[in-house]
Structure formats: structure tokens, C-alpha cells
Amino acid sequence: MEQNQLRGIFGQFASGVTVITCTNADGQPHGATVTAFTAISLEPRLCQITMTRKSKACGYLGNAPFAVNILAADQVDTAMHFAGRPQRTEPKWIDGPTA
């Protein structure tokens, strides 16, 4: 099976969409759309995210704090923005522990 065929098959698997956000050393916000998110444990609080190492956000994560933003079905523009395909409007950034 060709890689493009397999990508098409995998792309039909329904999963949730999250945006992982963090800041770089200069405090500038960054984010990446991630569909590979798994809740591992409530105690201790653990989750697993999988993203390409080429992602700028991946380079900023390291041991830095990050937020997992679980998107609703009507947040396609936000998902596309953080996937590198900006849409109509820039997403609003809100700082805070429970923003």
C-alpha cells in the first residue's frame, strides 16, 4: 500500500482534536494541533501527546508547562490555524492556570 493511500485511511479514523500550547523562552505563545492525545492517569495526572519533532511547539515543550485545549466541533478554524493553515481570524490567547 502506498503511503498516500494509508494516510487517507488513517485520516478517516474519528478522534478528538486538541491544541497543545506553550510559551518559548521569550514568553511568546506557540501551539500545535494534535489528534494523538491520550489520557493515561488521574493520579498522578498524566497524558500522552504525540507530535512531529519538526513542530516549533515540540521544540519549545521540553520540560516547560503546557496546556491541552480540547476543541469542540465548531472550532475548525482554531484547529486549522495551529496546523499551519490560518483561517479567518487569529485565535485569542488567554493566560492563566485554568484559562
PDB file of N, CA and C in Angstrom:
ATOM      1  N   MET A   1       0.844  -1.173   0.000  1.00  0.00           N
ATOM      2  CA  MET A   1       0.000   0.000   0.000  1.00  0.00           C
ATOM      3  C   MET A   1       0.891   1.238   0.000  1.00  0.00           C
ATOM      4  N   GLU A   2       0.540   2.194  -0.825  1.00  0.00           N
ATOM      5  CA  GLU A   2       1.296   3.439  -0.910  1.00  0.00           C
ATOM      6  C   GLU A   2       1.054   4.303   0.333  1.00  0.00           C
ATOM      7  N   GLN A   3       2.032   5.138   0.654  1.00  0.00           N
ATOM      8  CA  GLN A   3       1.935   5.998   1.830  1.00  0.00           C
ATOM      9  C   GLN A   3       0.711   6.911   1.765  1.00  0.00           C
ATOM     10  N   ASN A   4       0.416   7.485   0.608  1.00  0.00           N
ATOM     11  CA  ASN A   4      -0.747   8.371   0.480  1.00  0.00           C
ATOM     12  C   ASN A   4      -2.055   7.624   0.705  1.00  0.00           C
ATOM     13  N   GLN A   5      -2.126   6.366   0.264  1.00  0.00           N
ATOM     14  CA  GLN A   5      -3.328   5.566   0.494  1.00  0.00           C
ATOM     15  C   GLN A   5      -3.517   5.318   1.985  1.00  0.00           C
ATOM     16  N   LEU A   6      -2.430   4.937   2.655  1.00  0.00           N
ATOM     17  CA  LEU A   6      -2.502   4.669   4.089  1.00  0.00           C
ATOM     18  C   LEU A   6      -2.872   5.935   4.853  1.00  0.00           C
ATOM     19  N   ARG A   7      -2.310   7.069   4.458  1.00  0.00           N
ATOM     20  CA  ARG A   7      -2.649   8.344   5.102  1.00  0.00           C
ATOM     21  C   ARG A   7      -4.143   8.623   4.974  1.00  0.00           C
ATOM     22  N   GLY A   8      -4.705   8.360   3.808  1.00  0.00           N
ATOM     23  CA  GLY A   8      -6.137   8.560   3.590  1.00  0.00           C
ATOM     24  C   GLY A   8      -6.983   7.673   4.485  1.00  0.00           C
ATOM     25  N   ILE A   9      -6.561   6.438   4.649  1.00  0.00           N
ATOM     26  CA  ILE A   9      -7.282   5.506   5.526  1.00  0.00           C
ATOM     27  C   ILE A   9      -7.198   5.980   6.974  1.00  0.00           C
ATOM     28  N   PHE A  10      -5.994   6.291   7.426  1.00  0.00           N
ATOM     29  CA  PHE A  10      -5.827   6.774   8.797  1.00  0.00           C
ATOM     30  C   PHE A  10      -6.610   8.060   9.026  1.00  0.00           C
ATOM     31  N   GLY A  11      -6.691   8.912   8.016  1.00  0.00           N
ATOM     32  CA  GLY A  11      -7.397  10.183   8.130  1.00  0.00           C
ATOM     33  C   GLY A  11      -8.891  10.042   8.331  1.00  0.00           C
ATOM     34  N   GLN A  12      -9.437   8.859   8.060  1.00  0.00           N
ATOM     35  CA  GLN A  12     -10.869   8.633   8.240  1.00  0.00           C
ATOM     36  C   GLN A  12     -11.209   8.146   9.642  1.00  0.00           C
ATOM     37  N   PHE A  13     -10.189   7.894  10.466  1.00  0.00           N
ATOM     38  CA  PHE A  13     -10.415   7.455  11.835  1.00  0.00           C
ATOM     39  C   PHE A  13     -10.847   8.657  12.668  1.00  0.00           C
ATOM     40  N   ALA A  14     -12.029   8.566  13.256  1.00  0.00           N
ATOM     41  CA  ALA A  14     -12.559   9.680  14.054  1.00  0.00           C
ATOM     42  C   ALA A  14     -11.841   9.751  15.401  1.00  0.00           C
ATOM     43  N   SER A  15     -11.319  10.914  15.715  1.00  0.00           N
ATOM     44  CA  SER A  15     -10.690  11.127  17.013  1.00  0.00           C
ATOM     45  C   SER A  15     -10.892  12.583  17.408  1.00  0.00           C
ATOM     46  N   GLY A  16     -10.672  12.864  18.659  1.00  0.00           N
ATOM     47  CA  GLY A  16     -10.775  14.238  19.122  1.00  0.00           C
ATOM     48  C   GLY A  16      -9.608  15.063  18.614  1.00  0.00           C
ATOM     49  N   VAL A  17      -9.767  16.359  18.665  1.00  0.00           N
ATOM     50  CA  VAL A  17      -8.700  17.264  18.234  1.00  0.00           C
ATOM     51  C   VAL A  17      -8.341  18.170  19.403  1.00  0.00           C
ATOM     52  N   THR A  18      -7.056  18.282  19.663  1.00  0.00           N
ATOM     53  CA  THR A  18      -6.569  19.157  20.722  1.00  0.00           C
ATOM     54  C   THR A  18      -5.546  20.128  20.139  1.00  0.00           C
ATOM     55  N   VAL A  19      -5.368  21.233  20.829  1.00  0.00           N
ATOM     56  CA  VAL A  19      -4.275  22.148  20.518  1.00  0.00           C
ATOM     57  C   VAL A  19      -3.410  22.210  21.770  1.00  0.00           C
ATOM     58  N   ILE A  20      -2.144  21.862  21.605  1.00  0.00           N
ATOM     59  CA  ILE A  20      -1.192  21.930  22.702  1.00  0.00           C
ATOM     60  C   ILE A  20      -0.529  23.298  22.622  1.00  0.00           C
ATOM     61  N   THR A  21      -0.582  24.058  23.713  1.00  0.00           N
ATOM     62  CA  THR A  21       0.000  25.398  23.723  1.00  0.00           C
ATOM     63  C   THR A  21       1.071  25.514  24.799  1.00  0.00           C
ATOM     64  N   CYS A  22       2.046  26.361  24.522  1.00  0.00           N
ATOM     65  CA  CYS A  22       3.136  26.616  25.456  1.00  0.00           C
ATOM     66  C   CYS A  22       3.746  27.966  25.091  1.00  0.00           C
ATOM     67  N   THR A  23       4.711  28.398  25.853  1.00  0.00           N
ATOM     68  CA  THR A  23       5.443  29.615  25.511  1.00  0.00           C
ATOM     69  C   THR A  23       6.915  29.260  25.339  1.00  0.00           C
ATOM     70  N   ASN A  24       7.604  30.047  24.518  1.00  0.00           N
ATOM     71  CA  ASN A  24       9.036  29.827  24.363  1.00  0.00           C
ATOM     72  C   ASN A  24       9.778  30.576  25.469  1.00  0.00           C
ATOM     73  N   ALA A  25      11.095  30.560  25.430  1.00  0.00           N
ATOM     74  CA  ALA A  25      11.902  31.195  26.478  1.00  0.00           C
ATOM     75  C   ALA A  25      11.648  32.695  26.570  1.00  0.00           C
ATOM     76  N   ASP A  26      11.207  33.305  25.476  1.00  0.00           N
ATOM     77  CA  ASP A  26      10.908  34.742  25.465  1.00  0.00           C
ATOM     78  C   ASP A  26       9.473  35.055  25.865  1.00  0.00           C
ATOM     79  N   GLY A  27       8.703  34.026  26.217  1.00  0.00           N
ATOM     80  CA  GLY A  27       7.317  34.231  26.613  1.00  0.00           C
ATOM     81  C   GLY A  27       6.336  34.321  25.464  1.00  0.00           C
ATOM     82  N   GLN A  28       6.794  34.063  24.242  1.00  0.00           N
ATOM     83  CA  GLN A  28       5.912  34.102  23.073  1.00  0.00           C
ATOM     84  C   GLN A  28       5.094  32.815  23.002  1.00  0.00           C
ATOM     85  N   PRO A  29       3.791  32.919  22.798  1.00  0.00           N
ATOM     86  CA  PRO A  29       2.949  31.718  22.755  1.00  0.00           C
ATOM     87  C   PRO A  29       3.105  30.955  21.438  1.00  0.00           C
ATOM     88  N   HIS A  30       3.013  29.643  21.554  1.00  0.00           N
ATOM     89  CA  HIS A  30       3.059  28.755  20.392  1.00  0.00           C
ATOM     90  C   HIS A  30       2.073  27.625  20.630  1.00  0.00           C
ATOM     91  N   GLY A  31       1.625  27.023  19.560  1.00  0.00           N
ATOM     92  CA  GLY A  31       0.700  25.906  19.685  1.00  0.00           C
ATOM     93  C   GLY A  31       0.760  25.003  18.478  1.00  0.00           C
ATOM     94  N   ALA A  32       0.233  23.803  18.647  1.00  0.00           N
ATOM     95  CA  ALA A  32       0.190  22.830  17.561  1.00  0.00           C
ATOM     96  C   ALA A  32      -1.081  22.002  17.690  1.00  0.00           C
ATOM     97  N   THR A  33      -1.725  21.764  16.563  1.00  0.00           N
ATOM     98  CA  THR A  33      -2.893  20.889  16.539  1.00  0.00           C
ATOM     99  C   THR A  33      -2.416  19.451  16.653  1.00  0.00           C
ATOM    100  N   VAL A  34      -3.024  18.713  17.573  1.00  0.00           N
ATOM    101  CA  VAL A  34      -2.618  17.334  17.839  1.00  0.00           C
ATOM    102  C   VAL A  34      -3.864  16.459  17.931  1.00  0.00           C
ATOM    103  N   THR A  35      -3.902  15.391  17.158  1.00  0.00           N
ATOM    104  CA  THR A  35      -5.003  14.431  17.287  1.00  0.00           C
ATOM    105  C   THR A  35      -4.573  13.215  18.095  1.00  0.00           C
ATOM    106  N   ALA A  36      -3.273  13.070  18.330  1.00  0.00           N
ATOM    107  CA  ALA A  36      -2.768  11.938  19.104  1.00  0.00           C
ATOM    108  C   ALA A  36      -2.604  12.359  20.558  1.00  0.00           C
ATOM    109  N   PHE A  37      -3.702  12.333  21.292  1.00  0.00           N
ATOM    110  CA  PHE A  37      -3.738  12.705  22.708  1.00  0.00           C
ATOM    111  C   PHE A  37      -4.399  11.564  23.463  1.00  0.00           C
ATOM    112  N   THR A  38      -3.764  11.127  24.543  1.00  0.00           N
ATOM    113  CA  THR A  38      -4.307  10.035  25.343  1.00  0.00           C
ATOM    114  C   THR A  38      -4.224  10.392  26.818  1.00  0.00           C
ATOM    115  N   ALA A  39      -5.343  10.254  27.526  1.00  0.00           N
ATOM    116  CA  ALA A  39      -5.334  10.401  28.980  1.00  0.00           C
ATOM    117  C   ALA A  39      -4.782   9.095  29.547  1.00  0.00           C
ATOM    118  N   ILE A  40      -3.753   9.185  30.371  1.00  0.00           N
ATOM    119  CA  ILE A  40      -3.101   7.994  30.913  1.00  0.00           C
ATOM    120  C   ILE A  40      -3.567   7.714  32.340  1.00  0.00           C
ATOM    121  N   SER A  41      -3.523   8.735  33.205  1.00  0.00           N
ATOM    122  CA  SER A  41      -3.800   8.518  34.622  1.00  0.00           C
ATOM    123  C   SER A  41      -4.331   9.799  35.257  1.00  0.00           C
ATOM    124  N   LEU A  42      -5.235   9.634  36.230  1.00  0.00           N
ATOM    125  CA  LEU A  42      -5.710  10.779  37.004  1.00  0.00           C
ATOM    126  C   LEU A  42      -4.786  11.069  38.178  1.00  0.00           C
ATOM    127  N   GLU A  43      -4.194  10.024  38.751  1.00  0.00           N
ATOM    128  CA  GLU A  43      -3.292  10.196  39.884  1.00  0.00           C
ATOM    129  C   GLU A  43      -2.123   9.242  39.725  1.00  0.00           C
ATOM    130  N   PRO A  44      -0.950   9.732  39.372  1.00  0.00           N
ATOM    131  CA  PRO A  44      -0.650  11.126  39.083  1.00  0.00           C
ATOM    132  C   PRO A  44      -1.270  11.550  37.752  1.00  0.00           C
ATOM    133  N   ARG A  45      -1.412  12.844  37.563  1.00  0.00           N
ATOM    134  CA  ARG A  45      -2.004  13.374  36.333  1.00  0.00           C
ATOM    135  C   ARG A  45      -1.021  13.196  35.179  1.00  0.00           C
ATOM    136  N   LEU A  46      -1.379  12.295  34.276  1.00  0.00           N
ATOM    137  CA  LEU A  46      -0.509  12.006  33.138  1.00  0.00           C
ATOM    138  C   LEU A  46      -1.309  11.941  31.853  1.00  0.00           C
ATOM    139  N   CYS A  47      -0.744  12.497  30.811  1.00  0.00           N
ATOM    140  CA  CYS A  47      -1.309  12.339  29.479  1.00  0.00           C
ATOM    141  C   CYS A  47      -0.157  12.126  28.510  1.00  0.00           C
ATOM    142  N   GLN A  48      -0.499  11.617  27.360  1.00  0.00           N
ATOM    143  CA  GLN A  48       0.497  11.418  26.308  1.00  0.00           C
ATOM    144  C   GLN A  48       0.062  12.198  25.081  1.00  0.00           C
ATOM    145  N   ILE A  49       0.974  12.961  24.528  1.00  0.00           N
ATOM    146  CA  ILE A  49       0.720  13.633  23.256  1.00  0.00           C
ATOM    147  C   ILE A  49       1.812  13.201  22.292  1.00  0.00           C
ATOM    148  N   THR A  50       1.439  13.079  21.045  1.00  0.00           N
ATOM    149  CA  THR A  50       2.399  12.687  20.024  1.00  0.00           C
ATOM    150  C   THR A  50       2.359  13.734  18.927  1.00  0.00           C
ATOM    151  N   MET A  51       3.512  14.308  18.642  1.00  0.00           N
ATOM    152  CA  MET A  51       3.598  15.314  17.579  1.00  0.00           C
ATOM    153  C   MET A  51       4.930  15.159  16.858  1.00  0.00           C
ATOM    154  N   THR A  52       4.980  15.694  15.671  1.00  0.00           N
ATOM    155  CA  THR A  52       6.210  15.621  14.898  1.00  0.00           C
ATOM    156  C   THR A  52       7.307  16.460  15.541  1.00  0.00           C
ATOM    157  N   ARG A  53       8.509  15.973  15.487  1.00  0.00           N
ATOM    158  CA  ARG A  53       9.638  16.724  16.042  1.00  0.00           C
ATOM    159  C   ARG A  53       9.900  18.005  15.258  1.00  0.00           C
ATOM    160  N   LYS A  54       9.357  18.097  14.041  1.00  0.00           N
ATOM    161  CA  LYS A  54       9.534  19.285  13.203  1.00  0.00           C
ATOM    162  C   LYS A  54       8.688  20.457  13.691  1.00  0.00           C
ATOM    163  N   SER A  55       7.702  20.183  14.540  1.00  0.00           N
ATOM    164  CA  SER A  55       6.813  21.227  15.043  1.00  0.00           C
ATOM    165  C   SER A  55       7.584  22.204  15.926  1.00  0.00           C
ATOM    166  N   LYS A  56       7.381  23.511  15.710  1.00  0.00           N
ATOM    167  CA  LYS A  56       8.016  24.515  16.567  1.00  0.00           C
ATOM    168  C   LYS A  56       7.614  24.300  18.019  1.00  0.00           C
ATOM    169  N   ALA A  57       6.338  24.012  18.250  1.00  0.00           N
ATOM    170  CA  ALA A  57       5.853  23.812  19.621  1.00  0.00           C
ATOM    171  C   ALA A  57       6.579  22.649  20.288  1.00  0.00           C
ATOM    172  N   CYS A  58       6.873  21.601  19.544  1.00  0.00           N
ATOM    173  CA  CYS A  58       7.594  20.454  20.105  1.00  0.00           C
ATOM    174  C   CYS A  58       8.956  20.895  20.621  1.00  0.00           C
ATOM    175  N   GLY A  59       9.618  21.757  19.879  1.00  0.00           N
ATOM    176  CA  GLY A  59      10.919  22.262  20.299  1.00  0.00           C
ATOM    177  C   GLY A  59      10.854  23.117  21.551  1.00  0.00           C
ATOM    178  N   TYR A  60       9.719  23.761  21.793  1.00  0.00           N
ATOM    179  CA  TYR A  60       9.574  24.629  22.957  1.00  0.00           C
ATOM    180  C   TYR A  60       9.108  23.875  24.197  1.00  0.00           C
ATOM    181  N   LEU A  61       8.537  22.697  24.032  1.00  0.00           N
ATOM    182  CA  LEU A  61       7.961  21.990  25.175  1.00  0.00           C
ATOM    183  C   LEU A  61       9.020  21.572  26.189  1.00  0.00           C
ATOM    184  N   GLY A  62       9.912  20.671  25.827  1.00  0.00           N
ATOM    185  CA  GLY A  62      10.921  20.203  26.771  1.00  0.00           C
ATOM    186  C   GLY A  62      10.285  19.853  28.100  1.00  0.00           C
ATOM    187  N   ASN A  63      10.736  20.487  29.153  1.00  0.00           N
ATOM    188  CA  ASN A  63      10.148  20.305  30.484  1.00  0.00           C
ATOM    189  C   ASN A  63       9.279  21.493  30.871  1.00  0.00           C
ATOM    190  N   ALA A  64       8.898  22.296  29.893  1.00  0.00           N
ATOM    191  CA  ALA A  64       8.113  23.501  30.157  1.00  0.00           C
ATOM    192  C   ALA A  64       6.644  23.163  30.383  1.00  0.00           C
ATOM    193  N   PRO A  65       5.931  24.015  31.108  1.00  0.00           N
ATOM    194  CA  PRO A  65       4.487  23.813  31.264  1.00  0.00           C
ATOM    195  C   PRO A  65       3.780  23.970  29.922  1.00  0.00           C
ATOM    196  N   PHE A  66       2.690  23.258  29.773  1.00  0.00           N
ATOM    197  CA  PHE A  66       1.901  23.349  28.548  1.00  0.00           C
ATOM    198  C   PHE A  66       0.435  23.173  28.900  1.00  0.00           C
ATOM    199  N   ALA A  67      -0.425  23.525  27.971  1.00  0.00           N
ATOM    200  CA  ALA A  67      -1.868  23.358  28.160  1.00  0.00           C
ATOM    201  C   ALA A  67      -2.407  22.474  27.047  1.00  0.00           C
ATOM    202  N   VAL A  68      -3.373  21.645  27.408  1.00  0.00           N
ATOM    203  CA  VAL A  68      -4.093  20.829  26.435  1.00  0.00           C
ATOM    204  C   VAL A  68      -5.460  21.471  26.261  1.00  0.00           C
ATOM    205  N   ASN A  69      -5.745  21.937  25.069  1.00  0.00           N
ATOM    206  CA  ASN A  69      -7.014  22.583  24.750  1.00  0.00           C
ATOM    207  C   ASN A  69      -7.838  21.617  23.912  1.00  0.00           C
ATOM    208  N   ILE A  70      -8.894  21.072  24.483  1.00  0.00           N
ATOM    209  CA  ILE A  70      -9.750  20.122  23.770  1.00  0.00           C
ATOM    210  C   ILE A  70     -10.773  20.929  22.983  1.00  0.00           C
ATOM    211  N   LEU A  71     -10.745  20.763  21.671  1.00  0.00           N
ATOM    212  CA  LEU A  71     -11.580  21.585  20.802  1.00  0.00           C
ATOM    213  C   LEU A  71     -12.960  20.985  20.597  1.00  0.00           C
ATOM    214  N   ALA A  72     -13.926  21.872  20.423  1.00  0.00           N
ATOM    215  CA  ALA A  72     -15.300  21.479  20.088  1.00  0.00           C
ATOM    216  C   ALA A  72     -15.421  21.374  18.570  1.00  0.00           C
ATOM    217  N   ALA A  73     -16.502  20.782  18.119  1.00  0.00           N
ATOM    218  CA  ALA A  73     -16.721  20.568  16.686  1.00  0.00           C
ATOM    219  C   ALA A  73     -16.745  21.872  15.894  1.00  0.00           C
ATOM    220  N   ASP A  74     -17.146  22.974  16.533  1.00  0.00           N
ATOM    221  CA  ASP A  74     -17.233  24.246  15.806  1.00  0.00           C
ATOM    222  C   ASP A  74     -15.934  25.057  15.845  1.00  0.00           C
ATOM    223  N   GLN A  75     -14.844  24.455  16.292  1.00  0.00           N
ATOM    224  CA  GLN A  75     -13.569  25.163  16.382  1.00  0.00           C
ATOM    225  C   GLN A  75     -12.588  24.738  15.285  1.00  0.00           C
ATOM    226  N   VAL A  76     -13.117  24.474  14.115  1.00  0.00           N
ATOM    227  CA  VAL A  76     -12.289  24.044  12.983  1.00  0.00           C
ATOM    228  C   VAL A  76     -11.253  25.108  12.634  1.00  0.00           C
ATOM    229  N   ASP A  77     -11.641  26.387  12.656  1.00  0.00           N
ATOM    230  CA  ASP A  77     -10.697  27.459  12.328  1.00  0.00           C
ATOM    231  C   ASP A  77      -9.496  27.438  13.272  1.00  0.00           C
ATOM    232  N   THR A  78      -9.740  27.188  14.554  1.00  0.00           N
ATOM    233  CA  THR A  78      -8.650  27.122  15.530  1.00  0.00           C
ATOM    234  C   THR A  78      -7.739  25.942  15.230  1.00  0.00           C
ATOM    235  N   ALA A  79      -8.329  24.785  14.967  1.00  0.00           N
ATOM    236  CA  ALA A  79      -7.533  23.599  14.634  1.00  0.00           C
ATOM    237  C   ALA A  79      -6.679  23.848  13.399  1.00  0.00           C
ATOM    238  N   MET A  80      -7.264  24.450  12.386  1.00  0.00           N
ATOM    239  CA  MET A  80      -6.538  24.720  11.148  1.00  0.00           C
ATOM    240  C   MET A  80      -5.426  25.745  11.371  1.00  0.00           C
ATOM    241  N   HIS A  81      -5.689  26.754  12.194  1.00  0.00           N
ATOM    242  CA  HIS A  81      -4.672  27.773  12.485  1.00  0.00           C
ATOM    243  C   HIS A  81      -3.418  27.120  13.064  1.00  0.00           C
ATOM    244  N   PHE A  82      -3.605  26.271  14.070  1.00  0.00           N
ATOM    245  CA  PHE A  82      -2.459  25.660  14.734  1.00  0.00           C
ATOM    246  C   PHE A  82      -1.879  24.479  13.960  1.00  0.00           C
ATOM    247  N   ALA A  83      -2.540  24.094  12.888  1.00  0.00           N
ATOM    248  CA  ALA A  83      -1.989  23.088  11.978  1.00  0.00           C
ATOM    249  C   ALA A  83      -1.188  23.757  10.864  1.00  0.00           C
ATOM    250  N   GLY A  84      -1.043  25.088  10.945  1.00  0.00           N
ATOM    251  CA  GLY A  84      -0.252  25.812   9.968  1.00  0.00           C
ATOM    252  C   GLY A  84      -1.032  26.295   8.763  1.00  0.00           C
ATOM    253  N   ARG A  85      -2.364  26.256   8.868  1.00  0.00           N
ATOM    254  CA  ARG A  85      -3.219  26.731   7.776  1.00  0.00           C
ATOM    255  C   ARG A  85      -4.200  27.760   8.330  1.00  0.00           C
ATOM    256  N   PRO A  86      -3.706  28.973   8.626  1.00  0.00           N
ATOM    257  CA  PRO A  86      -4.557  30.004   9.229  1.00  0.00           C
ATOM    258  C   PRO A  86      -5.823  30.259   8.420  1.00  0.00           C
ATOM    259  N   GLN A  87      -6.901  30.491   9.132  1.00  0.00           N
ATOM    260  CA  GLN A  87      -8.195  30.738   8.516  1.00  0.00           C
ATOM    261  C   GLN A  87      -8.550  32.214   8.632  1.00  0.00           C
ATOM    262  N   ARG A  88      -9.758  32.497   9.015  1.00  0.00           N
ATOM    263  CA  ARG A  88     -10.270  33.871   9.003  1.00  0.00           C
ATOM    264  C   ARG A  88      -9.722  34.757  10.116  1.00  0.00           C
ATOM    265  N   THR A  89      -9.683  34.258  11.321  1.00  0.00           N
ATOM    266  CA  THR A  89      -9.299  35.107  12.453  1.00  0.00           C
ATOM    267  C   THR A  89      -8.203  34.450  13.280  1.00  0.00           C
ATOM    268  N   GLU A  90      -7.423  35.281  13.934  1.00  0.00           N
ATOM    269  CA  GLU A  90      -6.373  34.821  14.842  1.00  0.00           C
ATOM    270  C   GLU A  90      -7.025  34.367  16.151  1.00  0.00           C
ATOM    271  N   PRO A  91      -6.675  33.180  16.657  1.00  0.00           N
ATOM    272  CA  PRO A  91      -7.249  32.740  17.938  1.00  0.00           C
ATOM    273  C   PRO A  91      -6.850  33.677  19.073  1.00  0.00           C
ATOM    274  N   LYS A  92      -7.727  33.817  20.042  1.00  0.00           N
ATOM    275  CA  LYS A  92      -7.475  34.664  21.207  1.00  0.00           C
ATOM    276  C   LYS A  92      -6.685  33.857  22.237  1.00  0.00           C
ATOM    277  N   TRP A  93      -5.589  34.424  22.714  1.00  0.00           N
ATOM    278  CA  TRP A  93      -4.771  33.782  23.741  1.00  0.00           C
ATOM    279  C   TRP A  93      -5.215  34.279  25.108  1.00  0.00           C
ATOM    280  N   ILE A  94      -5.388  33.355  26.042  1.00  0.00           N
ATOM    281  CA  ILE A  94      -5.735  33.695  27.419  1.00  0.00           C
ATOM    282  C   ILE A  94      -4.727  33.005  28.320  1.00  0.00           C
ATOM    283  N   ASP A  95      -3.993  33.775  29.120  1.00  0.00           N
ATOM    284  CA  ASP A  95      -3.020  33.208  30.044  1.00  0.00           C
ATOM    285  C   ASP A  95      -3.684  32.895  31.370  1.00  0.00           C
ATOM    286  N   GLY A  96      -3.232  31.830  32.007  1.00  0.00           N
ATOM    287  CA  GLY A  96      -3.733  31.505  33.328  1.00  0.00           C
ATOM    288  C   GLY A  96      -3.735  30.018  33.565  1.00  0.00           C
ATOM    289  N   PRO A  97      -3.775  29.621  34.832  1.00  0.00           N
ATOM    290  CA  PRO A  97      -3.707  28.193  35.158  1.00  0.00           C
ATOM    291  C   PRO A  97      -4.929  27.409  34.688  1.00  0.00           C
ATOM    292  N   THR A  98      -6.078  28.056  34.577  1.00  0.00           N
ATOM    293  CA  THR A  98      -7.288  27.345  34.146  1.00  0.00           C
ATOM    294  C   THR A  98      -7.970  28.081  33.009  1.00  0.00           C
ATOM    295  N   ALA A  99      -7.190  28.812  32.231  1.00  0.00           N
ATOM    296  CA  ALA A  99      -7.754  29.634  31.153  1.00  0.00           C
ATOM    297  C   ALA A  99      -8.476  28.789  30.126  1.00  0.00           C
TER     298      ALA A  99
END
